[in-house]
Amino acid sequence: MSHTTVINGSQVQNREVGWITIERKTGKHMREQQPLWKKLKLLLLFNPLTEWLDTTHLMRLYLHHAAIEEGKEEASPASRNRIKAFVDFYRINMNDFTPSDITAYATFEDFFVRAHKPGSRPIYRKDDPTAAVIVADSRVVAYEAVAESKKIWIKGNDFSITNLVMDKQLGPKFADGPVASFRLSPQDYHRYHSPVSGTIKQFRSMPGDYYEVDPIALQSQVDILTRNARDYVVIETKEFGDVLFVAIGASQVGTVRIHPQYQQPGNQIQKGDELGIFQFGGSSIIVAFQKGRIQFDEDILKASKNAIAVDVEVGMSLGRAVGEKVHDEL
């Protein structure tokens, strides 16, 4: 299906040119909605020449400037005029959000960080601390070891958990453990939630670059995730041990923000609690577990081995603490 619409003042073809995913609710293979111009831009940005440009720092300067300018534009009152075209292009169901009336948003930025209506995203086994849940409306891949994720999904030359957190004491705790990667597209709900219940053990905010997190970028040799701006927390749990949650900004994301109450070690967080927000653009989340502490759901693992992400919603099942009984409901 295709038709012409207007995004950011330009006519673009609405073609399903994004990546193939599996919709978890139906099990159907789908192709993401993505403007054709964006797909072409990614193909131009991330090719062998990119590696050379990256060494010159020209790309970093360009993306940093673009993120600042885009943020200013989306916070302006005039930006609200683009909301309807955006909703139509991506077929966003506003009945899931509050407010559902698009005219209630003062700017595009306000719309971008819109909240879910209570009850629209039920939390799987909410009172069971042995069940971990999906952290964002997103596309997820999960692997039983970081090394496996590097072979299939994250191809950056120097990607490692240690480089991601820039901590030689913390990183090795997760070096050979299971890892889940959540990719958010611009049309998604851009608040993220805790996968587990526990105690905040550590917080850090790290400035950085603003590379795209599209699979084209992730599968290039540029180390996207370890260079982009990011916040992370370590959540201490009885059931899963320590859990690392890393929120990573991307092209056009001016702010990665974990809420202040979860920046304080010792504070409690419950599974499904809103942990923070991203501002305008695509973005990514990495959740890492210690070795032998989680069994990811089989449907996600199976798709991930074939380099296919699963289209999921906040609160669905992600996996269970090792040794716990499997449940079929999501």
C-alpha atoms as a PDB file:
ATOM      1  CA  MET A   1       0.000   0.000   0.000  1.00  0.00           C
ATOM      2  CA  SER A   2       1.221   3.515  -0.746  1.00  0.00           C
ATOM      3  CA  HIS A   3      -0.071   7.041  -0.902  1.00  0.00           C
ATOM      4  CA  THR A   4       1.394  10.519  -0.769  1.00  0.00           C
ATOM      5  CA  THR A   5       1.306  12.510   2.464  1.00  0.00           C
ATOM      6  CA  VAL A   6       3.168  15.417   4.045  1.00  0.00           C
ATOM      7  CA  ILE A   7       5.736  15.084   6.818  1.00  0.00           C
ATOM      8  CA  ASN A   8       7.857  18.075   7.913  1.00  0.00           C
ATOM      9  CA  GLY A   9       6.544  20.070   4.971  1.00  0.00           C
ATOM     10  CA  SER A  10       7.613  17.599   2.265  1.00  0.00           C
ATOM     11  CA  GLN A  11       5.622  15.171   0.174  1.00  0.00           C
ATOM     12  CA  VAL A  12       6.769  11.602   0.707  1.00  0.00           C
ATOM     13  CA  GLN A  13       5.572   8.220  -0.445  1.00  0.00           C
ATOM     14  CA  ASN A  14       3.919   6.225   2.326  1.00  0.00           C
ATOM     15  CA  ARG A  15       5.462   2.901   1.459  1.00  0.00           C
ATOM     16  CA  GLU A  16       6.048  -0.036   3.704  1.00  0.00           C
ATOM     17  CA  VAL A  17       9.800   0.079   3.188  1.00  0.00           C
ATOM     18  CA  GLY A  18      10.820  -0.499   6.814  1.00  0.00           C
ATOM     19  CA  TRP A  19      12.107  -3.732   8.319  1.00  0.00           C
ATOM     20  CA  ILE A  20      10.087  -6.940   8.466  1.00  0.00           C
ATOM     21  CA  THR A  21       8.907  -7.690  12.006  1.00  0.00           C
ATOM     22  CA  ILE A  22       6.580 -10.183  13.674  1.00  0.00           C
ATOM     23  CA  GLU A  23       3.522  -8.722  15.349  1.00  0.00           C
ATOM     24  CA  ARG A  24       3.362 -10.587  18.642  1.00  0.00           C
ATOM     25  CA  LYS A  25      -0.403 -10.280  19.099  1.00  0.00           C
ATOM     26  CA  THR A  26      -1.160 -12.022  15.802  1.00  0.00           C
ATOM     27  CA  GLY A  27       2.069 -13.840  14.883  1.00  0.00           C
ATOM     28  CA  LYS A  28       1.945 -12.211  11.438  1.00  0.00           C
ATOM     29  CA  HIS A  29       4.974 -10.932   9.557  1.00  0.00           C
ATOM     30  CA  MET A  30       4.659  -7.212   8.873  1.00  0.00           C
ATOM     31  CA  ARG A  31       6.748  -4.471   7.342  1.00  0.00           C
ATOM     32  CA  GLU A  32       7.238  -1.266   9.292  1.00  0.00           C
ATOM     33  CA  GLN A  33       5.841   1.988   8.012  1.00  0.00           C
ATOM     34  CA  GLN A  34       8.795   4.209   7.136  1.00  0.00           C
ATOM     35  CA  PRO A  35       9.033   7.155   4.738  1.00  0.00           C
ATOM     36  CA  LEU A  36      10.996   6.198   1.656  1.00  0.00           C
ATOM     37  CA  TRP A  37      13.258   9.257   2.037  1.00  0.00           C
ATOM     38  CA  LYS A  38      14.319   8.073   5.505  1.00  0.00           C
ATOM     39  CA  LYS A  39      15.251   4.600   4.261  1.00  0.00           C
ATOM     40  CA  LEU A  40      17.339   6.136   1.474  1.00  0.00           C
ATOM     41  CA  LYS A  41      19.025   8.499   3.948  1.00  0.00           C
ATOM     42  CA  LEU A  42      20.021   5.572   6.165  1.00  0.00           C
ATOM     43  CA  LEU A  43      21.448   3.648   3.225  1.00  0.00           C
ATOM     44  CA  LEU A  44      23.529   6.681   2.298  1.00  0.00           C
ATOM     45  CA  LEU A  45      24.702   7.371   5.839  1.00  0.00           C
ATOM     46  CA  PHE A  46      25.684   3.831   6.778  1.00  0.00           C
ATOM     47  CA  ASN A  47      27.904   2.321   4.114  1.00  0.00           C
ATOM     48  CA  PRO A  48      31.682   1.700   3.914  1.00  0.00           C
ATOM     49  CA  LEU A  49      32.312   5.416   3.397  1.00  0.00           C
ATOM     50  CA  THR A  50      30.637   6.057   6.751  1.00  0.00           C
ATOM     51  CA  GLU A  51      33.505   4.436   8.600  1.00  0.00           C
ATOM     52  CA  TRP A  52      35.917   6.951   7.089  1.00  0.00           C
ATOM     53  CA  LEU A  53      33.587   9.884   7.767  1.00  0.00           C
ATOM     54  CA  ASP A  54      33.187   8.677  11.334  1.00  0.00           C
ATOM     55  CA  THR A  55      36.932   8.918  11.927  1.00  0.00           C
ATOM     56  CA  THR A  56      36.850  12.582  10.870  1.00  0.00           C
ATOM     57  CA  HIS A  57      34.159  13.466  13.464  1.00  0.00           C
ATOM     58  CA  LEU A  58      32.188  15.261  10.728  1.00  0.00           C
ATOM     59  CA  MET A  59      29.193  12.985  11.171  1.00  0.00           C
ATOM     60  CA  ARG A  60      29.152  13.475  14.941  1.00  0.00           C
ATOM     61  CA  LEU A  61      29.150  17.250  14.553  1.00  0.00           C
ATOM     62  CA  TYR A  62      26.393  17.105  11.950  1.00  0.00           C
ATOM     63  CA  LEU A  63      24.148  14.831  14.012  1.00  0.00           C
ATOM     64  CA  HIS A  64      24.702  16.845  17.198  1.00  0.00           C
ATOM     65  CA  HIS A  65      23.720  20.062  15.402  1.00  0.00           C
ATOM     66  CA  ALA A  66      20.725  18.367  13.746  1.00  0.00           C
ATOM     67  CA  ALA A  67      19.470  17.050  17.110  1.00  0.00           C
ATOM     68  CA  ILE A  68      19.579  20.512  18.680  1.00  0.00           C
ATOM     69  CA  GLU A  69      17.817  22.176  15.743  1.00  0.00           C
ATOM     70  CA  GLU A  70      15.166  19.469  15.493  1.00  0.00           C
ATOM     71  CA  GLY A  71      14.478  19.734  19.223  1.00  0.00           C
ATOM     72  CA  LYS A  72      13.936  23.486  18.959  1.00  0.00           C
ATOM     73  CA  GLU A  73      11.591  23.027  16.011  1.00  0.00           C
ATOM     74  CA  GLU A  74       9.471  20.348  17.655  1.00  0.00           C
ATOM     75  CA  ALA A  75       9.071  22.474  20.807  1.00  0.00           C
ATOM     76  CA  SER A  76       7.707  25.444  18.847  1.00  0.00           C
ATOM     77  CA  PRO A  77       3.936  26.195  18.788  1.00  0.00           C
ATOM     78  CA  ALA A  78       3.928  25.926  14.974  1.00  0.00           C
ATOM     79  CA  SER A  79       5.000  22.278  15.207  1.00  0.00           C
ATOM     80  CA  ARG A  80       1.527  21.216  16.389  1.00  0.00           C
ATOM     81  CA  ASN A  81       0.346  21.643  12.787  1.00  0.00           C
ATOM     82  CA  ARG A  82       2.295  18.520  11.821  1.00  0.00           C
ATOM     83  CA  ILE A  83       0.635  16.200  14.333  1.00  0.00           C
ATOM     84  CA  LYS A  84      -2.337  15.169  12.174  1.00  0.00           C
ATOM     85  CA  ALA A  85      -0.185  14.261   9.155  1.00  0.00           C
ATOM     86  CA  PHE A  86       2.118  12.260  11.426  1.00  0.00           C
ATOM     87  CA  VAL A  87      -0.783  10.349  13.033  1.00  0.00           C
ATOM     88  CA  ASP A  88      -2.304   9.602   9.635  1.00  0.00           C
ATOM     89  CA  PHE A  89       0.991   8.490   8.092  1.00  0.00           C
ATOM     90  CA  TYR A  90       1.826   6.042  10.867  1.00  0.00           C
ATOM     91  CA  ARG A  91      -1.797   5.028  11.568  1.00  0.00           C
ATOM     92  CA  ILE A  92      -1.460   5.748  15.279  1.00  0.00           C
ATOM     93  CA  ASN A  93      -4.469   4.652  17.340  1.00  0.00           C
ATOM     94  CA  MET A  94      -5.038   7.691  19.542  1.00  0.00           C
ATOM     95  CA  ASN A  95      -7.656   5.818  21.570  1.00  0.00           C
ATOM     96  CA  ASP A  96      -4.718   4.269  23.464  1.00  0.00           C
ATOM     97  CA  PHE A  97      -3.503   7.674  24.647  1.00  0.00           C
ATOM     98  CA  THR A  98      -4.488  10.552  26.874  1.00  0.00           C
ATOM     99  CA  PRO A  99      -5.429  13.036  25.687  1.00  0.00           C
ATOM    100  CA  SER A 100      -6.750  11.253  22.610  1.00  0.00           C
ATOM    101  CA  ASP A 101      -7.675  14.516  20.874  1.00  0.00           C
ATOM    102  CA  ILE A 102      -4.633  15.667  18.893  1.00  0.00           C
ATOM    103  CA  THR A 103      -5.714  19.319  19.152  1.00  0.00           C
ATOM    104  CA  ALA A 104      -5.037  19.131  22.909  1.00  0.00           C
ATOM    105  CA  TYR A 105      -1.259  19.054  22.363  1.00  0.00           C
ATOM    106  CA  ALA A 106       0.453  22.467  22.388  1.00  0.00           C
ATOM    107  CA  THR A 107       3.514  21.289  20.425  1.00  0.00           C
ATOM    108  CA  PHE A 108       4.727  18.242  18.547  1.00  0.00           C
ATOM    109  CA  GLU A 109       7.096  17.551  21.449  1.00  0.00           C
ATOM    110  CA  ASP A 110       4.126  17.368  23.848  1.00  0.00           C
ATOM    111  CA  PHE A 111       2.458  14.901  21.502  1.00  0.00           C
ATOM    112  CA  PHE A 112       5.639  12.853  21.161  1.00  0.00           C
ATOM    113  CA  VAL A 113       5.801  12.133  24.906  1.00  0.00           C
ATOM    114  CA  ARG A 114       2.050  11.436  25.143  1.00  0.00           C
ATOM    115  CA  ALA A 115       0.909   9.094  27.916  1.00  0.00           C
ATOM    116  CA  HIS A 116      -1.035   5.856  27.678  1.00  0.00           C
ATOM    117  CA  LYS A 117      -4.572   5.708  28.988  1.00  0.00           C
ATOM    118  CA  PRO A 118      -4.721   3.777  32.271  1.00  0.00           C
ATOM    119  CA  GLY A 119      -5.332   0.100  31.514  1.00  0.00           C
ATOM    120  CA  SER A 120      -4.332   0.277  27.840  1.00  0.00           C
ATOM    121  CA  ARG A 121      -1.104  -1.638  28.577  1.00  0.00           C
ATOM    122  CA  PRO A 122      -1.788  -4.228  31.336  1.00  0.00           C
ATOM    123  CA  ILE A 123       1.307  -5.518  33.137  1.00  0.00           C
ATOM    124  CA  TYR A 124       1.827  -9.275  32.784  1.00  0.00           C
ATOM    125  CA  ARG A 125       1.636 -11.031  36.172  1.00  0.00           C
ATOM    126  CA  LYS A 126       1.979  -7.650  37.855  1.00  0.00           C
ATOM    127  CA  ASP A 127       2.312  -9.012  41.389  1.00  0.00           C
ATOM    128  CA  ASP A 128       4.710 -11.819  40.462  1.00  0.00           C
ATOM    129  CA  PRO A 129       8.348 -10.670  40.847  1.00  0.00           C
ATOM    130  CA  THR A 130       9.651 -13.730  38.959  1.00  0.00           C
ATOM    131  CA  ALA A 131       8.167 -12.517  35.644  1.00  0.00           C
ATOM    132  CA  ALA A 132      10.005  -9.811  33.669  1.00  0.00           C
ATOM    133  CA  VAL A 133       8.109  -7.619  31.223  1.00  0.00           C
ATOM    134  CA  ILE A 134       8.568  -5.652  28.015  1.00  0.00           C
ATOM    135  CA  VAL A 135       9.822  -2.133  28.768  1.00  0.00           C
ATOM    136  CA  ALA A 136       8.481  -0.142  25.785  1.00  0.00           C
ATOM    137  CA  ASP A 137       6.172  -0.202  22.787  1.00  0.00           C
ATOM    138  CA  SER A 138       8.925  -1.280  20.432  1.00  0.00           C
ATOM    139  CA  ARG A 139      10.541  -3.981  18.368  1.00  0.00           C
ATOM    140  CA  VAL A 140      12.593  -6.389  20.488  1.00  0.00           C
ATOM    141  CA  VAL A 141      15.329  -8.930  19.889  1.00  0.00           C
ATOM    142  CA  ALA A 142      16.789 -11.026  22.716  1.00  0.00           C
ATOM    143  CA  TYR A 143      19.799 -13.288  22.960  1.00  0.00           C
ATOM    144  CA  GLU A 144      21.041 -15.715  25.580  1.00  0.00           C
ATOM    145  CA  ALA A 145      24.507 -14.127  25.479  1.00  0.00           C
ATOM    146  CA  VAL A 146      25.971 -10.787  24.404  1.00  0.00           C
ATOM    147  CA  ALA A 147      28.344 -12.606  22.038  1.00  0.00           C
ATOM    148  CA  GLU A 148      25.381 -14.074  20.133  1.00  0.00           C
ATOM    149  CA  SER A 149      23.796 -10.624  19.759  1.00  0.00           C
ATOM    150  CA  LYS A 150      27.019  -9.340  18.176  1.00  0.00           C
ATOM    151  CA  LYS A 151      27.005 -12.099  15.573  1.00  0.00           C
ATOM    152  CA  ILE A 152      23.413 -11.466  14.508  1.00  0.00           C
ATOM    153  CA  TRP A 153      22.208  -7.973  15.440  1.00  0.00           C
ATOM    154  CA  ILE A 154      24.716  -5.478  16.845  1.00  0.00           C
ATOM    155  CA  LYS A 155      27.725  -5.358  14.538  1.00  0.00           C
ATOM    156  CA  GLY A 156      29.687  -2.371  15.904  1.00  0.00           C
ATOM    157  CA  ASN A 157      33.391  -3.129  16.113  1.00  0.00           C
ATOM    158  CA  ASP A 158      33.788  -2.326  19.806  1.00  0.00           C
ATOM    159  CA  PHE A 159      30.351  -3.046  21.260  1.00  0.00           C
ATOM    160  CA  SER A 160      30.444  -4.574  24.722  1.00  0.00           C
ATOM    161  CA  ILE A 161      28.539  -4.034  27.956  1.00  0.00           C
ATOM    162  CA  THR A 162      31.695  -2.567  29.511  1.00  0.00           C
ATOM    163  CA  ASN A 163      31.976  -0.005  26.710  1.00  0.00           C
ATOM    164  CA  LEU A 164      28.243   0.682  26.911  1.00  0.00           C
ATOM    165  CA  VAL A 165      28.409   1.656  30.600  1.00  0.00           C
ATOM    166  CA  MET A 166      32.031   2.876  30.553  1.00  0.00           C
ATOM    167  CA  ASP A 167      32.681   1.030  33.810  1.00  0.00           C
ATOM    168  CA  LYS A 168      35.289  -1.731  34.029  1.00  0.00           C
ATOM    169  CA  GLN A 169      33.858  -3.009  37.304  1.00  0.00           C
ATOM    170  CA  LEU A 170      30.175  -3.023  36.356  1.00  0.00           C
ATOM    171  CA  GLY A 171      30.459  -4.199  32.736  1.00  0.00           C
ATOM    172  CA  PRO A 172      31.995  -7.655  33.365  1.00  0.00           C
ATOM    173  CA  LYS A 173      29.039  -8.595  35.608  1.00  0.00           C
ATOM    174  CA  PHE A 174      26.888  -8.717  32.455  1.00  0.00           C
ATOM    175  CA  ALA A 175      29.545  -9.574  29.860  1.00  0.00           C
ATOM    176  CA  ASP A 176      28.404 -13.137  29.129  1.00  0.00           C
ATOM    177  CA  GLY A 177      24.775 -12.794  30.209  1.00  0.00           C
ATOM    178  CA  PRO A 178      21.442 -12.556  28.341  1.00  0.00           C
ATOM    179  CA  VAL A 179      20.606  -9.264  26.656  1.00  0.00           C
ATOM    180  CA  ALA A 180      17.465  -7.742  25.130  1.00  0.00           C
ATOM    181  CA  SER A 181      17.484  -4.813  22.700  1.00  0.00           C
ATOM    182  CA  PHE A 182      14.364  -2.660  22.232  1.00  0.00           C
ATOM    183  CA  ARG A 183      14.138  -0.283  19.266  1.00  0.00           C
ATOM    184  CA  LEU A 184      11.620   2.550  19.300  1.00  0.00           C
ATOM    185  CA  SER A 185      10.548   4.268  16.093  1.00  0.00           C
ATOM    186  CA  PRO A 186       9.326   7.888  15.939  1.00  0.00           C
ATOM    187  CA  GLN A 187       5.652   6.832  15.924  1.00  0.00           C
ATOM    188  CA  ASP A 188       5.958   4.835  19.163  1.00  0.00           C
ATOM    189  CA  TYR A 189       4.986   5.761  22.702  1.00  0.00           C
ATOM    190  CA  HIS A 190       8.260   7.177  24.034  1.00  0.00           C
ATOM    191  CA  ARG A 191       8.035   6.491  27.734  1.00  0.00           C
ATOM    192  CA  TYR A 192       9.804   3.446  29.104  1.00  0.00           C
ATOM    193  CA  HIS A 193       9.077   1.210  32.071  1.00  0.00           C
ATOM    194  CA  SER A 194      10.904  -1.064  34.461  1.00  0.00           C
ATOM    195  CA  PRO A 195      11.104  -4.745  33.458  1.00  0.00           C
ATOM    196  CA  VAL A 196      11.406  -5.932  37.075  1.00  0.00           C
ATOM    197  CA  SER A 197      10.717  -4.970  40.684  1.00  0.00           C
ATOM    198  CA  GLY A 198      13.645  -4.088  42.898  1.00  0.00           C
ATOM    199  CA  THR A 199      15.899  -1.388  44.364  1.00  0.00           C
ATOM    200  CA  ILE A 200      17.845   1.248  42.440  1.00  0.00           C
ATOM    201  CA  LYS A 201      21.495   0.401  43.021  1.00  0.00           C
ATOM    202  CA  GLN A 202      23.286   2.748  40.612  1.00  0.00           C
ATOM    203  CA  PHE A 203      22.519   5.585  38.169  1.00  0.00           C
ATOM    204  CA  ARG A 204      24.645   7.346  35.590  1.00  0.00           C
ATOM    205  CA  SER A 205      23.974   9.834  32.806  1.00  0.00           C
ATOM    206  CA  MET A 206      26.412   9.918  29.890  1.00  0.00           C
ATOM    207  CA  PRO A 207      26.550  12.575  27.155  1.00  0.00           C
ATOM    208  CA  GLY A 208      27.271  11.394  23.636  1.00  0.00           C
ATOM    209  CA  ASP A 209      26.368  11.433  19.962  1.00  0.00           C
ATOM    210  CA  TYR A 210      23.041  11.079  18.145  1.00  0.00           C
ATOM    211  CA  TYR A 211      23.416   8.322  15.562  1.00  0.00           C
ATOM    212  CA  GLU A 212      20.357   6.534  14.164  1.00  0.00           C
ATOM    213  CA  VAL A 213      19.377   3.231  15.836  1.00  0.00           C
ATOM    214  CA  ASP A 214      17.702   1.704  12.774  1.00  0.00           C
ATOM    215  CA  PRO A 215      18.947  -1.848  12.012  1.00  0.00           C
ATOM    216  CA  ILE A 216      20.900  -0.458   9.039  1.00  0.00           C
ATOM    217  CA  ALA A 217      22.918   1.584  11.531  1.00  0.00           C
ATOM    218  CA  LEU A 218      23.168  -1.139  14.174  1.00  0.00           C
ATOM    219  CA  GLN A 219      24.500  -3.616  11.619  1.00  0.00           C
ATOM    220  CA  SER A 220      27.148  -1.233  10.313  1.00  0.00           C
ATOM    221  CA  GLN A 221      30.657  -1.160  11.751  1.00  0.00           C
ATOM    222  CA  VAL A 222      30.032   2.166  13.526  1.00  0.00           C
ATOM    223  CA  ASP A 223      29.651   1.668  17.288  1.00  0.00           C
ATOM    224  CA  ILE A 224      26.267   3.343  17.589  1.00  0.00           C
ATOM    225  CA  LEU A 225      25.136   2.206  21.029  1.00  0.00           C
ATOM    226  CA  THR A 226      28.399   2.870  22.842  1.00  0.00           C
ATOM    227  CA  ARG A 227      28.662   6.409  21.415  1.00  0.00           C
ATOM    228  CA  ASN A 228      25.158   7.797  21.715  1.00  0.00           C
ATOM    229  CA  ALA A 229      23.933   9.808  24.705  1.00  0.00           C
ATOM    230  CA  ARG A 230      22.512   7.466  27.338  1.00  0.00           C
ATOM    231  CA  ASP A 231      21.292   7.064  30.910  1.00  0.00           C
ATOM    232  CA  TYR A 232      21.426   3.831  32.838  1.00  0.00           C
ATOM    233  CA  VAL A 233      20.327   2.332  36.119  1.00  0.00           C
ATOM    234  CA  VAL A 234      21.198  -0.923  37.828  1.00  0.00           C
ATOM    235  CA  ILE A 235      18.214  -2.502  39.569  1.00  0.00           C
ATOM    236  CA  GLU A 236      18.966  -4.949  42.372  1.00  0.00           C
ATOM    237  CA  THR A 237      16.462  -7.809  42.624  1.00  0.00           C
ATOM    238  CA  LYS A 238      16.110 -11.023  44.561  1.00  0.00           C
ATOM    239  CA  GLU A 239      14.790 -13.009  41.597  1.00  0.00           C
ATOM    240  CA  PHE A 240      17.069 -11.848  38.742  1.00  0.00           C
ATOM    241  CA  GLY A 241      20.134 -10.547  40.548  1.00  0.00           C
ATOM    242  CA  ASP A 242      21.312  -7.183  39.207  1.00  0.00           C
ATOM    243  CA  VAL A 243      19.542  -5.941  36.063  1.00  0.00           C
ATOM    244  CA  LEU A 244      21.090  -3.272  33.843  1.00  0.00           C
ATOM    245  CA  PHE A 245      18.720  -0.886  32.044  1.00  0.00           C
ATOM    246  CA  VAL A 246      20.288   1.469  29.479  1.00  0.00           C
ATOM    247  CA  ALA A 247      18.190   4.138  27.704  1.00  0.00           C
ATOM    248  CA  ILE A 248      19.988   5.308  24.560  1.00  0.00           C
ATOM    249  CA  GLY A 249      19.200   8.434  22.578  1.00  0.00           C
ATOM    250  CA  ALA A 250      19.401   8.588  18.796  1.00  0.00           C
ATOM    251  CA  SER A 251      19.151  10.866  15.786  1.00  0.00           C
ATOM    252  CA  GLN A 252      16.841  13.783  16.653  1.00  0.00           C
ATOM    253  CA  VAL A 253      16.541  12.781  20.325  1.00  0.00           C
ATOM    254  CA  GLY A 254      17.584  15.791  22.370  1.00  0.00           C
ATOM    255  CA  THR A 255      16.976  14.300  25.801  1.00  0.00           C
ATOM    256  CA  VAL A 256      17.240  10.890  27.437  1.00  0.00           C
ATOM    257  CA  ARG A 257      15.769  11.300  30.893  1.00  0.00           C
ATOM    258  CA  ILE A 258      15.385   8.799  33.699  1.00  0.00           C
ATOM    259  CA  HIS A 259      12.997  10.275  36.254  1.00  0.00           C
ATOM    260  CA  PRO A 260      14.694  11.912  39.279  1.00  0.00           C
ATOM    261  CA  GLN A 261      13.278   9.480  41.855  1.00  0.00           C
ATOM    262  CA  TYR A 262      14.982   6.604  40.047  1.00  0.00           C
ATOM    263  CA  GLN A 263      18.321   8.383  39.971  1.00  0.00           C
ATOM    264  CA  GLN A 264      18.632   7.898  43.731  1.00  0.00           C
ATOM    265  CA  PRO A 265      20.198   4.626  44.947  1.00  0.00           C
ATOM    266  CA  GLY A 266      18.041   2.919  47.544  1.00  0.00           C
ATOM    267  CA  ASN A 267      14.699   3.935  46.031  1.00  0.00           C
ATOM    268  CA  GLN A 268      12.256   1.167  45.172  1.00  0.00           C
ATOM    269  CA  ILE A 269      10.764   0.523  41.729  1.00  0.00           C
ATOM    270  CA  GLN A 270       7.990  -1.835  40.740  1.00  0.00           C
ATOM    271  CA  LYS A 271       7.679  -3.819  37.531  1.00  0.00           C
ATOM    272  CA  GLY A 272       5.825  -1.658  34.991  1.00  0.00           C
ATOM    273  CA  ASP A 273       6.589   1.658  36.707  1.00  0.00           C
ATOM    274  CA  GLU A 274       7.430   4.469  34.301  1.00  0.00           C
ATOM    275  CA  LEU A 275      11.208   4.821  34.505  1.00  0.00           C
ATOM    276  CA  GLY A 276      11.740   7.747  32.115  1.00  0.00           C
ATOM    277  CA  ILE A 277      11.123   9.331  28.703  1.00  0.00           C
ATOM    278  CA  PHE A 278      12.776  10.027  25.363  1.00  0.00           C
ATOM    279  CA  GLN A 279      12.181  13.244  23.477  1.00  0.00           C
ATOM    280  CA  PHE A 280      11.720  13.498  19.717  1.00  0.00           C
ATOM    281  CA  GLY A 281      13.181  10.828  17.432  1.00  0.00           C
ATOM    282  CA  GLY A 282      13.994   7.150  17.344  1.00  0.00           C
ATOM    283  CA  SER A 283      15.685   5.588  20.341  1.00  0.00           C
ATOM    284  CA  SER A 284      16.844   2.314  21.840  1.00  0.00           C
ATOM    285  CA  ILE A 285      16.984   0.435  25.140  1.00  0.00           C
ATOM    286  CA  ILE A 286      19.335  -2.334  26.219  1.00  0.00           C
ATOM    287  CA  VAL A 287      18.371  -4.541  29.177  1.00  0.00           C
ATOM    288  CA  ALA A 288      21.111  -6.900  30.333  1.00  0.00           C
ATOM    289  CA  PHE A 289      20.933  -9.690  32.889  1.00  0.00           C
ATOM    290  CA  GLN A 290      23.578 -11.668  34.704  1.00  0.00           C
ATOM    291  CA  LYS A 291      24.365 -15.086  33.308  1.00  0.00           C
ATOM    292  CA  GLY A 292      21.864 -17.790  34.230  1.00  0.00           C
ATOM    293  CA  ARG A 293      19.279 -15.461  35.771  1.00  0.00           C
ATOM    294  CA  ILE A 294      16.569 -15.220  33.072  1.00  0.00           C
ATOM    295  CA  GLN A 295      14.954 -17.375  30.424  1.00  0.00           C
ATOM    296  CA  PHE A 296      13.590 -15.162  27.648  1.00  0.00           C
ATOM    297  CA  ASP A 297      10.285 -16.142  26.058  1.00  0.00           C
ATOM    298  CA  GLU A 298      10.723 -18.666  23.279  1.00  0.00           C
ATOM    299  CA  ASP A 299       8.894 -16.714  20.566  1.00  0.00           C
ATOM    300  CA  ILE A 300      11.269 -13.769  20.988  1.00  0.00           C
ATOM    301  CA  LEU A 301      14.375 -15.984  21.023  1.00  0.00           C
ATOM    302  CA  LYS A 302      13.273 -17.869  17.910  1.00  0.00           C
ATOM    303  CA  ALA A 303      12.641 -14.711  15.887  1.00  0.00           C
ATOM    304  CA  SER A 304      15.861 -13.117  17.119  1.00  0.00           C
ATOM    305  CA  LYS A 305      17.968 -16.027  15.887  1.00  0.00           C
ATOM    306  CA  ASN A 306      16.643 -15.193  12.419  1.00  0.00           C
ATOM    307  CA  ALA A 307      17.442 -11.477  12.914  1.00  0.00           C
ATOM    308  CA  ILE A 308      13.738 -10.594  13.006  1.00  0.00           C
ATOM    309  CA  ALA A 309      12.462  -8.267  15.722  1.00  0.00           C
ATOM    310  CA  VAL A 310       9.124  -8.861  17.445  1.00  0.00           C
ATOM    311  CA  ASP A 311       6.645  -5.982  17.603  1.00  0.00           C
ATOM    312  CA  VAL A 312       5.646  -5.740  21.281  1.00  0.00           C
ATOM    313  CA  GLU A 313       3.879  -3.495  23.778  1.00  0.00           C
ATOM    314  CA  VAL A 314       4.759  -2.326  27.274  1.00  0.00           C
ATOM    315  CA  GLY A 315       3.845  -4.866  29.935  1.00  0.00           C
ATOM    316  CA  MET A 316       3.866  -8.024  27.801  1.00  0.00           C
ATOM    317  CA  SER A 317       5.942 -10.958  29.025  1.00  0.00           C
ATOM    318  CA  LEU A 318       9.688 -10.803  28.379  1.00  0.00           C
ATOM    319  CA  GLY A 319      10.847 -13.833  30.328  1.00  0.00           C
ATOM    320  CA  ARG A 320      11.003 -15.515  33.702  1.00  0.00           C
ATOM    321  CA  ALA A 321      13.532 -15.950  36.456  1.00  0.00           C
ATOM    322  CA  VAL A 322      15.363 -19.231  35.881  1.00  0.00           C
ATOM    323  CA  GLY A 323      13.639 -22.147  37.549  1.00  0.00           C
ATOM    324  CA  GLU A 324      10.187 -20.574  37.420  1.00  0.00           C
ATOM    325  CA  LYS A 325       7.199 -22.201  35.731  1.00  0.00           C
ATOM    326  CA  VAL A 326       6.384 -21.053  32.191  1.00  0.00           C
ATOM    327  CA  HIS A 327       3.016 -19.355  31.605  1.00  0.00           C
ATOM    328  CA  ASP A 328       1.410 -19.034  28.193  1.00  0.00           C
ATOM    329  CA  GLU A 329      -0.357 -15.688  28.559  1.00  0.00           C
ATOM    330  CA  LEU A 330       1.532 -12.606  27.318  1.00  0.00           C
END
